N, C-alpha and C. Protein backbone atom coordinates (compact mmCIF):
# COMPACT_ATOMS: atom_id res chain seq x y z
N MET A 1 48.99 -81.65 11.47
CA MET A 1 48.53 -83.11 11.95
C MET A 1 48.98 -84.24 10.93
N ASP A 2 49.68 -84.51 10.05
CA ASP A 2 50.62 -85.40 9.52
C ASP A 2 50.20 -86.61 8.96
N LEU A 3 48.91 -86.90 8.37
CA LEU A 3 47.98 -88.30 8.59
C LEU A 3 48.69 -88.99 8.31
N SER A 4 49.38 -88.71 6.76
CA SER A 4 50.02 -90.02 6.30
C SER A 4 51.56 -90.32 7.01
N LEU A 5 51.77 -89.33 7.40
CA LEU A 5 53.50 -90.25 7.86
C LEU A 5 52.78 -91.00 9.91
N LEU A 6 51.58 -90.79 9.79
CA LEU A 6 50.91 -91.36 11.29
C LEU A 6 50.06 -93.14 10.05
N GLN A 7 49.67 -92.76 9.29
CA GLN A 7 48.87 -93.95 8.25
C GLN A 7 50.04 -95.15 8.70
N GLN A 8 51.34 -94.27 7.71
CA GLN A 8 52.65 -95.53 7.43
C GLN A 8 52.84 -96.05 8.67
N GLN A 9 53.44 -95.68 9.98
CA GLN A 9 53.90 -96.23 11.05
C GLN A 9 52.60 -97.04 11.27
N LEU A 10 51.64 -96.79 11.53
CA LEU A 10 50.71 -97.82 12.31
C LEU A 10 50.03 -99.24 11.61
N LYS A 11 50.12 -98.66 9.66
CA LYS A 11 50.08 -99.97 8.03
C LYS A 11 51.48 -100.64 8.92
N GLN A 12 52.86 -100.39 9.37
CA GLN A 12 53.96 -101.35 10.01
C GLN A 12 53.47 -102.05 11.56
N GLY A 13 52.74 -101.95 11.74
CA GLY A 13 51.86 -102.96 12.57
C GLY A 13 52.64 -102.18 14.34
N ARG A 14 52.97 -101.25 13.79
CA ARG A 14 53.42 -100.55 15.15
C ARG A 14 52.16 -99.34 16.15
N SER A 15 51.91 -100.20 17.10
CA SER A 15 51.17 -99.22 17.77
C SER A 15 51.87 -97.62 17.66
N ALA A 16 51.23 -97.29 17.98
CA ALA A 16 51.61 -95.13 18.44
C ALA A 16 52.50 -94.57 19.57
N PRO A 17 53.10 -94.35 19.82
CA PRO A 17 53.84 -94.27 20.73
C PRO A 17 53.64 -92.91 21.37
N LEU A 18 52.73 -92.94 21.70
CA LEU A 18 52.11 -91.81 22.75
C LEU A 18 52.35 -91.05 23.87
N GLU A 19 52.98 -92.28 24.71
CA GLU A 19 53.97 -92.26 25.77
C GLU A 19 55.24 -91.32 25.26
N SER A 20 55.72 -91.62 24.22
CA SER A 20 56.95 -90.84 24.37
C SER A 20 56.62 -89.61 23.21
N TRP A 21 55.42 -89.06 23.27
CA TRP A 21 55.68 -88.01 22.32
C TRP A 21 55.23 -86.63 23.06
N HIS A 22 55.73 -85.42 23.25
CA HIS A 22 55.61 -84.52 24.14
C HIS A 22 54.97 -83.67 23.44
N PRO A 23 54.45 -83.75 22.70
CA PRO A 23 53.96 -82.01 21.91
C PRO A 23 53.23 -81.16 22.44
N PRO A 24 53.09 -79.57 22.03
CA PRO A 24 52.32 -78.44 22.43
C PRO A 24 50.77 -79.11 22.42
N PHE A 25 50.04 -78.50 23.08
CA PHE A 25 48.31 -78.47 23.06
C PHE A 25 48.30 -77.25 22.36
N CYS A 26 47.72 -77.31 21.48
CA CYS A 26 47.00 -76.84 20.03
C CYS A 26 45.29 -76.33 20.03
N GLY A 27 44.99 -76.55 21.64
CA GLY A 27 43.92 -76.39 21.81
C GLY A 27 42.26 -77.00 20.43
N GLU A 28 41.21 -77.21 20.59
CA GLU A 28 39.81 -77.90 20.45
C GLU A 28 39.73 -77.78 18.95
N ILE A 29 39.61 -78.83 18.61
CA ILE A 29 39.17 -78.83 17.55
C ILE A 29 37.69 -79.48 17.17
N PRO A 30 37.06 -79.32 15.90
CA PRO A 30 35.79 -79.62 16.01
C PRO A 30 35.49 -80.73 15.90
N ILE A 31 35.88 -81.62 15.83
CA ILE A 31 35.60 -83.36 16.12
C ILE A 31 34.72 -83.71 17.56
N ARG A 32 34.04 -84.66 17.44
CA ARG A 32 32.42 -84.52 18.49
C ARG A 32 32.25 -86.59 18.35
N ILE A 33 32.32 -87.10 19.95
CA ILE A 33 32.45 -88.48 19.51
C ILE A 33 30.47 -88.77 20.42
N ASP A 34 29.94 -89.03 19.94
CA ASP A 34 28.27 -89.21 20.48
C ASP A 34 28.53 -90.17 21.06
N ARG A 35 27.25 -90.45 21.84
CA ARG A 35 27.17 -91.68 22.39
C ARG A 35 27.07 -92.91 21.56
N GLU A 36 26.69 -93.17 20.83
CA GLU A 36 26.36 -94.34 20.04
C GLU A 36 28.67 -94.84 19.46
N GLY A 37 29.04 -93.92 19.48
CA GLY A 37 30.26 -94.06 19.59
C GLY A 37 30.96 -93.60 17.58
N GLN A 38 29.52 -92.46 17.54
CA GLN A 38 30.28 -91.84 15.80
C GLN A 38 30.71 -91.02 15.77
N TRP A 39 32.09 -90.56 15.49
CA TRP A 39 32.64 -90.09 15.17
C TRP A 39 32.02 -88.82 13.99
N PHE A 40 32.07 -87.37 14.41
CA PHE A 40 31.59 -86.21 13.81
C PHE A 40 32.42 -85.33 13.42
N TYR A 41 33.31 -84.39 12.55
CA TYR A 41 34.60 -83.45 11.98
C TYR A 41 33.17 -82.42 11.61
N GLN A 42 32.61 -80.95 12.49
CA GLN A 42 32.13 -80.26 11.90
C GLN A 42 30.16 -80.52 11.47
N GLN A 43 30.21 -81.05 13.15
CA GLN A 43 29.28 -81.82 12.94
C GLN A 43 28.19 -82.78 12.02
N SER A 44 29.50 -83.07 10.57
CA SER A 44 29.05 -84.00 9.92
C SER A 44 29.63 -85.58 9.87
N PRO A 45 29.40 -86.61 10.57
CA PRO A 45 29.35 -88.16 10.58
C PRO A 45 30.58 -87.75 9.84
N ILE A 46 32.17 -88.66 10.18
CA ILE A 46 32.89 -89.42 9.75
C ILE A 46 32.37 -90.83 8.66
N GLY A 47 32.34 -90.94 7.11
CA GLY A 47 32.36 -92.17 7.17
C GLY A 47 33.35 -92.81 6.89
N ARG A 48 34.23 -92.19 6.73
CA ARG A 48 35.24 -93.50 6.15
C ARG A 48 35.80 -93.95 7.84
N ILE A 49 35.20 -95.06 7.37
CA ILE A 49 36.54 -96.18 8.80
C ILE A 49 37.75 -95.87 9.06
N GLU A 50 38.47 -95.75 8.36
CA GLU A 50 39.84 -95.78 8.57
C GLU A 50 40.15 -94.66 8.79
N LEU A 51 39.26 -93.96 8.47
CA LEU A 51 40.16 -92.18 8.89
C LEU A 51 39.31 -92.35 10.56
N VAL A 52 38.39 -92.67 11.37
CA VAL A 52 38.09 -93.31 12.82
C VAL A 52 39.31 -93.92 12.89
N LYS A 53 39.84 -94.90 11.98
CA LYS A 53 40.03 -95.45 13.12
C LYS A 53 41.43 -95.19 13.50
N LEU A 54 41.93 -94.29 12.44
CA LEU A 54 43.44 -93.63 12.48
C LEU A 54 43.71 -93.11 13.84
N PHE A 55 42.35 -91.59 13.67
CA PHE A 55 42.29 -90.88 15.08
C PHE A 55 41.85 -91.82 16.18
N SER A 56 41.97 -92.48 16.09
CA SER A 56 41.22 -93.50 17.56
C SER A 56 42.51 -93.79 17.91
N SER A 57 43.53 -94.42 17.24
CA SER A 57 44.47 -94.35 17.40
C SER A 57 45.91 -94.16 18.00
N VAL A 58 45.33 -92.29 17.90
CA VAL A 58 46.27 -91.75 18.32
C VAL A 58 45.11 -90.74 19.47
N LEU A 59 44.24 -91.52 20.45
CA LEU A 59 43.03 -91.27 21.00
C LEU A 59 43.80 -90.91 22.82
N GLN A 60 43.95 -89.86 23.58
CA GLN A 60 43.91 -90.58 24.54
C GLN A 60 43.39 -89.16 25.59
N TYR A 61 43.06 -89.81 26.93
CA TYR A 61 42.29 -89.10 27.97
C TYR A 61 43.87 -88.70 28.86
N LYS A 62 43.12 -87.61 29.04
CA LYS A 62 44.43 -87.33 29.85
C LYS A 62 44.31 -85.94 30.09
N ASN A 63 44.79 -85.53 31.38
CA ASN A 63 44.54 -84.12 31.73
C ASN A 63 42.87 -83.81 31.97
N ASP A 64 42.19 -84.60 32.39
CA ASP A 64 40.55 -84.28 32.72
C ASP A 64 40.24 -83.74 31.01
N ARG A 65 40.72 -84.13 29.80
CA ARG A 65 39.89 -84.23 28.56
C ARG A 65 40.61 -85.34 27.42
N TYR A 66 39.83 -85.36 26.63
CA TYR A 66 40.35 -86.31 25.36
C TYR A 66 41.25 -85.52 23.98
N VAL A 67 42.01 -86.21 23.92
CA VAL A 67 43.52 -85.86 23.26
C VAL A 67 43.28 -86.56 21.89
N LEU A 68 44.15 -85.72 20.61
CA LEU A 68 44.45 -86.80 19.61
C LEU A 68 45.99 -86.17 19.43
N THR A 69 46.49 -87.26 19.72
CA THR A 69 47.53 -86.49 20.20
C THR A 69 49.05 -87.32 18.30
N THR A 70 49.73 -86.29 17.94
CA THR A 70 50.64 -86.11 16.57
C THR A 70 52.21 -86.32 17.43
N PRO A 71 53.10 -86.44 17.09
CA PRO A 71 54.60 -85.73 17.62
C PRO A 71 54.84 -84.56 17.28
N VAL A 72 53.69 -83.32 16.44
CA VAL A 72 53.54 -82.84 16.18
C VAL A 72 53.41 -81.61 17.22
N GLU A 73 51.71 -82.22 17.35
CA GLU A 73 50.85 -80.98 18.18
C GLU A 73 49.41 -82.64 18.81
N GLU A 74 49.05 -81.41 19.66
CA GLU A 74 48.01 -81.96 20.68
C GLU A 74 46.64 -81.75 20.66
N VAL A 75 45.97 -81.56 20.11
CA VAL A 75 44.60 -80.61 19.85
C VAL A 75 43.32 -81.47 20.63
N ALA A 76 42.65 -80.91 21.94
CA ALA A 76 41.34 -81.62 22.16
C ALA A 76 40.26 -81.97 21.34
N ILE A 77 39.09 -82.69 21.84
CA ILE A 77 37.92 -83.46 20.74
C ILE A 77 36.77 -83.05 22.17
N GLN A 78 35.71 -83.19 21.56
CA GLN A 78 34.32 -83.44 22.51
C GLN A 78 33.96 -84.97 22.21
N VAL A 79 33.63 -85.21 23.48
CA VAL A 79 33.59 -86.87 23.65
C VAL A 79 32.63 -86.99 24.40
N ASP A 80 31.18 -87.90 24.06
CA ASP A 80 29.80 -87.35 24.48
C ASP A 80 29.21 -88.44 26.04
N ASP A 81 30.47 -89.16 26.28
CA ASP A 81 30.04 -90.79 26.88
C ASP A 81 31.37 -91.54 26.84
N ALA A 82 31.24 -92.22 26.68
CA ALA A 82 32.37 -93.11 26.27
C ALA A 82 33.33 -92.85 24.78
N PRO A 83 34.21 -93.18 24.79
CA PRO A 83 34.96 -92.93 23.13
C PRO A 83 34.65 -94.22 22.22
N PHE A 84 34.13 -95.54 22.40
CA PHE A 84 33.73 -96.90 21.95
C PHE A 84 32.47 -97.14 22.89
N LEU A 85 32.31 -97.88 21.87
CA LEU A 85 30.99 -98.77 22.18
C LEU A 85 30.93 -99.92 22.18
N LEU A 86 30.92 -100.81 23.06
CA LEU A 86 31.27 -102.51 23.29
C LEU A 86 29.76 -102.33 22.28
N VAL A 87 29.63 -103.98 20.69
CA VAL A 87 28.30 -104.20 20.14
C VAL A 87 28.78 -106.30 20.50
N ASN A 88 29.56 -106.57 20.74
CA ASN A 88 29.58 -108.10 19.92
C ASN A 88 30.35 -108.44 21.07
N TRP A 89 30.51 -109.58 21.23
CA TRP A 89 31.40 -110.86 22.40
C TRP A 89 30.93 -112.67 22.47
N GLN A 90 31.62 -112.67 22.47
CA GLN A 90 31.84 -114.46 22.83
C GLN A 90 32.65 -114.48 23.83
N TRP A 91 32.55 -115.98 24.08
CA TRP A 91 33.25 -116.32 24.61
C TRP A 91 34.41 -117.69 24.06
N GLN A 92 35.53 -118.00 24.61
CA GLN A 92 36.69 -117.85 24.33
C GLN A 92 37.51 -118.59 25.66
N ASP A 93 38.28 -120.23 24.86
CA ASP A 93 39.05 -121.14 26.43
C ASP A 93 39.97 -120.34 26.63
N SER A 94 40.09 -121.18 27.44
CA SER A 94 41.79 -120.22 28.18
C SER A 94 41.71 -121.63 29.79
N ASP A 95 42.59 -121.47 30.12
CA ASP A 95 43.45 -122.30 31.01
C ASP A 95 42.81 -121.81 32.35
N LEU A 96 42.12 -120.52 31.87
CA LEU A 96 41.74 -120.33 33.82
C LEU A 96 40.24 -120.35 33.70
N GLY A 97 39.68 -120.72 32.46
CA GLY A 97 38.11 -120.88 32.30
C GLY A 97 37.56 -120.62 31.51
N PRO A 98 36.16 -119.68 30.32
CA PRO A 98 35.95 -119.11 29.76
C PRO A 98 36.33 -117.46 29.91
N LEU A 99 36.97 -117.17 28.99
CA LEU A 99 37.06 -115.87 29.09
C LEU A 99 36.13 -114.91 27.92
N LEU A 100 35.36 -114.33 28.69
CA LEU A 100 34.31 -112.83 27.78
C LEU A 100 35.55 -112.20 26.61
N GLN A 101 35.35 -112.03 25.50
CA GLN A 101 35.81 -111.53 24.07
C GLN A 101 35.01 -110.83 23.88
N MET A 102 35.59 -109.25 24.03
CA MET A 102 34.50 -108.27 23.85
C MET A 102 35.57 -107.54 22.65
N THR A 103 34.42 -107.09 21.41
CA THR A 103 34.43 -105.58 20.50
C THR A 103 33.72 -104.74 20.71
N THR A 104 34.59 -103.76 19.99
CA THR A 104 33.91 -102.60 19.76
C THR A 104 33.98 -102.28 18.59
N ASN A 105 32.80 -101.38 18.04
CA ASN A 105 32.46 -100.67 17.36
C ASN A 105 33.52 -100.11 16.36
N LEU A 106 35.10 -100.42 16.47
CA LEU A 106 35.05 -100.12 15.44
C LEU A 106 36.49 -101.90 15.12
N GLY A 107 35.98 -102.60 15.80
CA GLY A 107 36.71 -104.26 15.51
C GLY A 107 37.49 -104.28 16.93
N THR A 108 37.76 -103.33 17.52
CA THR A 108 38.55 -103.81 18.33
C THR A 108 38.90 -104.62 19.16
N GLU A 109 38.55 -106.03 19.50
CA GLU A 109 39.19 -106.77 20.78
C GLU A 109 39.73 -106.81 21.72
N TYR A 110 38.43 -107.02 23.00
CA TYR A 110 39.84 -107.52 24.16
C TYR A 110 39.23 -108.54 25.11
N LEU A 111 40.02 -109.29 26.25
CA LEU A 111 39.11 -110.33 26.59
C LEU A 111 39.24 -109.53 27.95
N ILE A 112 38.07 -109.39 28.16
CA ILE A 112 37.72 -108.67 30.16
C ILE A 112 38.38 -108.79 30.67
N SER A 113 39.08 -109.18 32.32
CA SER A 113 40.22 -109.93 32.54
C SER A 113 41.00 -108.51 33.68
N ALA A 114 41.71 -108.80 34.43
CA ALA A 114 42.01 -107.46 34.89
C ALA A 114 43.04 -106.79 34.74
N GLU A 115 43.58 -106.64 33.39
CA GLU A 115 44.20 -105.99 32.72
C GLU A 115 43.42 -105.12 31.91
N TYR A 116 41.85 -106.03 31.70
CA TYR A 116 41.12 -104.69 31.06
C TYR A 116 39.66 -105.27 32.23
N PRO A 117 39.75 -104.04 33.25
CA PRO A 117 38.79 -104.27 34.30
C PRO A 117 36.80 -103.55 34.17
N VAL A 118 36.52 -104.26 34.01
CA VAL A 118 34.61 -103.36 34.12
C VAL A 118 34.13 -102.31 35.46
N GLN A 119 34.20 -101.48 34.90
CA GLN A 119 33.84 -100.61 35.87
C GLN A 119 32.56 -99.83 36.34
N LEU A 120 31.87 -99.93 37.00
CA LEU A 120 30.79 -99.32 37.06
C LEU A 120 30.59 -97.97 37.42
N GLN A 121 29.93 -97.29 36.76
CA GLN A 121 29.96 -95.53 37.14
C GLN A 121 28.93 -95.16 36.28
N ALA A 122 28.79 -93.54 36.64
CA ALA A 122 27.62 -93.30 36.15
C ALA A 122 27.85 -92.64 34.67
N GLU A 123 26.26 -92.68 34.06
CA GLU A 123 26.57 -92.06 32.25
C GLU A 123 26.82 -90.21 32.60
N PRO A 124 27.14 -90.23 31.77
CA PRO A 124 27.29 -88.54 31.87
C PRO A 124 26.04 -88.05 30.86
N GLY A 125 25.32 -87.10 32.45
CA GLY A 125 23.84 -86.56 31.72
C GLY A 125 23.26 -87.86 32.11
N SER A 126 23.08 -88.37 33.35
CA SER A 126 22.57 -89.09 34.05
C SER A 126 21.21 -88.64 35.09
N GLY A 127 21.90 -87.24 35.61
CA GLY A 127 21.01 -86.67 37.01
C GLY A 127 19.97 -86.25 36.63
N SER A 128 19.43 -85.40 36.88
CA SER A 128 18.06 -84.97 37.20
C SER A 128 17.78 -84.32 35.60
N GLY A 129 16.64 -84.21 34.53
CA GLY A 129 16.53 -83.52 33.92
C GLY A 129 17.18 -84.16 32.08
N SER A 130 17.52 -85.48 32.39
CA SER A 130 18.05 -86.07 31.45
C SER A 130 17.33 -87.18 30.85
N GLY A 131 15.95 -87.25 31.36
CA GLY A 131 15.00 -88.74 30.88
C GLY A 131 16.00 -89.65 31.93
N LEU A 132 17.19 -90.01 32.10
CA LEU A 132 17.40 -91.43 33.33
C LEU A 132 17.49 -90.87 34.55
N ARG A 133 17.27 -92.45 35.43
CA ARG A 133 17.40 -92.17 36.86
C ARG A 133 18.71 -91.60 37.44
N SER A 134 18.81 -90.64 37.91
CA SER A 134 19.58 -90.33 39.20
C SER A 134 20.72 -91.26 39.53
N GLY A 135 22.41 -90.96 39.53
CA GLY A 135 22.51 -91.98 40.23
C GLY A 135 22.88 -93.28 39.29
N LEU A 136 22.39 -93.83 38.19
CA LEU A 136 22.62 -95.06 37.25
C LEU A 136 23.53 -95.42 37.36
N LEU A 137 24.01 -96.35 37.42
CA LEU A 137 25.59 -97.23 37.70
C LEU A 137 25.89 -97.90 35.81
N LEU A 138 26.18 -97.67 35.55
CA LEU A 138 26.37 -98.69 34.54
C LEU A 138 28.25 -98.89 33.76
N PRO A 139 27.92 -100.14 33.12
CA PRO A 139 29.62 -100.89 32.91
C PRO A 139 30.24 -100.47 32.08
N TYR A 140 31.64 -99.92 32.21
CA TYR A 140 32.22 -99.34 30.95
C TYR A 140 33.52 -99.92 30.99
N LEU A 141 34.22 -101.40 29.97
CA LEU A 141 35.38 -101.90 30.11
C LEU A 141 36.70 -100.75 29.76
N GLN A 142 36.95 -101.20 31.28
CA GLN A 142 38.24 -99.83 30.82
C GLN A 142 39.68 -100.13 30.19
N LEU A 143 39.86 -99.71 28.84
CA LEU A 143 41.57 -99.10 28.25
C LEU A 143 42.61 -99.13 28.20
N PRO A 144 43.13 -99.22 27.62
CA PRO A 144 44.53 -98.14 27.45
C PRO A 144 43.95 -96.86 27.62
N ARG A 145 45.51 -95.72 27.92
CA ARG A 145 45.29 -94.51 27.57
C ARG A 145 43.80 -93.75 28.32
N GLY A 146 43.81 -94.52 29.47
CA GLY A 146 42.79 -93.06 30.16
C GLY A 146 41.16 -93.76 28.93
N LEU A 147 40.86 -94.60 28.82
CA LEU A 147 39.92 -95.03 28.08
C LEU A 147 38.84 -95.67 27.93
N THR A 148 37.52 -95.66 27.76
CA THR A 148 36.94 -96.61 28.00
C THR A 148 35.59 -97.21 26.96
N ALA A 149 35.53 -98.26 26.93
CA ALA A 149 34.40 -98.62 26.10
C ALA A 149 32.76 -98.68 26.70
N LYS A 150 31.79 -98.13 26.45
CA LYS A 150 29.98 -98.73 27.48
C LYS A 150 29.87 -99.41 26.18
N PHE A 151 28.85 -100.68 27.04
CA PHE A 151 28.62 -101.67 27.11
C PHE A 151 27.35 -101.13 26.40
N SER A 152 27.24 -101.80 24.77
CA SER A 152 25.47 -101.42 24.25
C SER A 152 24.29 -101.62 24.76
N ARG A 153 23.65 -101.34 24.81
CA ARG A 153 22.59 -101.74 25.50
C ARG A 153 22.29 -103.39 25.15
N ALA A 154 21.90 -103.77 23.94
CA ALA A 154 21.86 -105.42 23.53
C ALA A 154 22.37 -106.01 23.73
N LEU A 155 23.87 -105.53 24.38
CA LEU A 155 25.12 -106.59 24.68
C LEU A 155 24.72 -106.31 26.14
N PHE A 156 24.94 -105.26 26.55
CA PHE A 156 24.46 -105.66 28.02
C PHE A 156 23.05 -106.12 28.27
N TYR A 157 21.88 -106.07 27.82
CA TYR A 157 20.53 -107.58 27.77
C TYR A 157 21.13 -108.54 27.87
N GLN A 158 21.64 -109.10 26.89
CA GLN A 158 22.42 -110.25 26.64
C GLN A 158 23.50 -111.00 27.34
N LEU A 159 23.97 -110.02 27.91
CA LEU A 159 25.37 -110.17 28.94
C LEU A 159 24.55 -110.66 30.42
N ALA A 160 23.35 -110.07 30.66
CA ALA A 160 23.14 -110.50 32.26
C ALA A 160 22.24 -111.23 31.60
N GLU A 161 21.34 -112.70 30.56
CA GLU A 161 20.84 -113.41 30.40
C GLU A 161 22.17 -113.96 30.96
N GLN A 162 23.06 -113.94 30.70
CA GLN A 162 24.18 -114.96 31.15
C GLN A 162 24.80 -115.03 32.74
N ALA A 163 24.29 -113.91 32.83
CA ALA A 163 24.92 -113.81 34.83
C ALA A 163 23.83 -115.03 35.42
N THR A 164 25.07 -114.15 37.04
CA THR A 164 24.19 -114.62 37.85
C THR A 164 23.83 -113.61 39.23
N LEU A 165 22.81 -114.08 39.86
CA LEU A 165 22.51 -112.86 41.10
C LEU A 165 23.14 -112.93 42.11
N GLN A 166 24.44 -111.57 42.20
CA GLN A 166 24.60 -111.87 44.28
C GLN A 166 25.29 -110.79 44.55
N VAL A 167 24.55 -111.33 46.15
CA VAL A 167 24.32 -110.10 46.87
C VAL A 167 25.87 -109.12 46.63
N ILE A 168 26.09 -107.98 46.41
CA ILE A 168 27.57 -106.50 47.07
C ILE A 168 27.12 -106.07 47.38
N ALA A 169 27.66 -105.73 49.33
CA ALA A 169 27.53 -104.97 49.64
C ALA A 169 26.06 -104.58 49.80
N GLY A 170 25.22 -105.75 50.63
CA GLY A 170 23.89 -105.69 50.32
C GLY A 170 23.03 -105.31 49.42
N GLU A 171 23.78 -105.29 48.21
CA GLU A 171 22.08 -105.03 46.74
C GLU A 171 22.76 -106.45 45.77
N ASN A 172 21.65 -106.79 45.59
CA ASN A 172 21.45 -107.22 44.42
C ASN A 172 22.26 -106.98 43.11
N HIS A 173 23.45 -107.77 42.13
CA HIS A 173 23.91 -107.47 41.23
C HIS A 173 23.64 -108.44 39.82
N PHE A 174 24.19 -108.48 38.90
CA PHE A 174 24.46 -108.60 38.29
C PHE A 174 26.15 -108.99 37.40
N VAL A 175 26.32 -110.97 38.08
CA VAL A 175 27.82 -110.70 38.27
C VAL A 175 28.32 -111.92 36.88
N LEU A 176 29.19 -111.89 36.54
CA LEU A 176 29.36 -112.79 35.81
C LEU A 176 31.33 -112.87 35.90
N GLN A 177 31.45 -114.01 35.47
CA GLN A 177 32.99 -114.20 35.65
C GLN A 177 34.00 -114.55 34.24
N SER A 178 35.10 -114.09 33.91
CA SER A 178 36.13 -113.89 32.83
C SER A 178 37.25 -115.01 33.43
N GLY A 179 37.32 -115.91 32.77
CA GLY A 179 38.93 -116.43 33.72
C GLY A 179 38.63 -116.10 35.12
N GLY A 180 39.46 -116.06 35.76
CA GLY A 180 39.49 -115.50 37.17
C GLY A 180 39.16 -114.43 37.59
N TYR A 181 38.54 -113.43 36.85
CA TYR A 181 38.55 -112.65 37.09
C TYR A 181 36.64 -111.76 37.23
N GLN A 182 36.02 -111.80 38.08
CA GLN A 182 34.66 -111.28 38.88
C GLN A 182 33.93 -110.21 38.84
N PHE A 183 32.79 -109.85 37.67
CA PHE A 183 32.59 -108.32 38.39
C PHE A 183 31.42 -108.27 37.62
N SER A 184 30.71 -107.08 38.00
CA SER A 184 29.28 -106.17 38.73
C SER A 184 28.77 -105.90 37.16
N LEU A 185 27.63 -106.39 36.15
CA LEU A 185 27.56 -105.43 35.08
C LEU A 185 26.26 -104.64 35.68
N GLY A 186 25.62 -104.80 36.74
CA GLY A 186 25.36 -103.49 37.89
C GLY A 186 24.01 -103.98 38.77
N LEU A 187 23.64 -103.22 39.37
CA LEU A 187 22.66 -103.84 40.07
C LEU A 187 21.06 -104.51 39.79
N ALA A 188 20.83 -105.39 40.11
CA ALA A 188 19.55 -105.97 39.59
C ALA A 188 18.32 -105.53 39.23
N GLU A 189 18.14 -104.94 40.11
CA GLU A 189 16.77 -103.10 40.79
C GLU A 189 17.00 -102.41 39.23
N GLU A 190 18.33 -101.69 39.36
CA GLU A 190 18.40 -100.66 38.57
C GLU A 190 18.23 -101.16 36.78
N SER A 191 18.70 -102.60 36.35
CA SER A 191 18.55 -102.61 35.07
C SER A 191 17.33 -103.56 34.40
N ALA A 192 15.94 -103.51 35.13
CA ALA A 192 15.18 -104.24 34.36
C ALA A 192 14.14 -103.56 33.83
């Protein structure tokens, strides 16, 4: 993996053109992203945020696995939940009304919209024996390249205070509006 060439490309403001790269799959490497969005190499935290940002710029989810893709090789890594964690939010004014701007643990910003929707999905390991209620659905922001960002617990509760209760399919949901896009944060009964 030629990190210096990749760094030069990204410094020039260009996104990595992952869709045009078709390298061979070279197996798995000992990189893991934990539930809190912390990156590890051989079980040691990766402390250099610029290196984590570089790796995240070539991360994608395809063929049921998370991979780092470069022009010459593709390698699988382990992701415990979502690769990113949403840690901050703010309202932005727009012609469509207030938009929710979310910030990930790596400082990337996204506006919740039909382009970056929120979906409720089961947290990995939320079945029996995990300490969590079975079937608990949590909000995840859908990102490019098949990736997701999980709402941090603190951020979830801050947004729940902004939400209104609405009945959807016979169940009470915490609902928010971002521009013309409406989404559920989850069931009111499960979120208490």
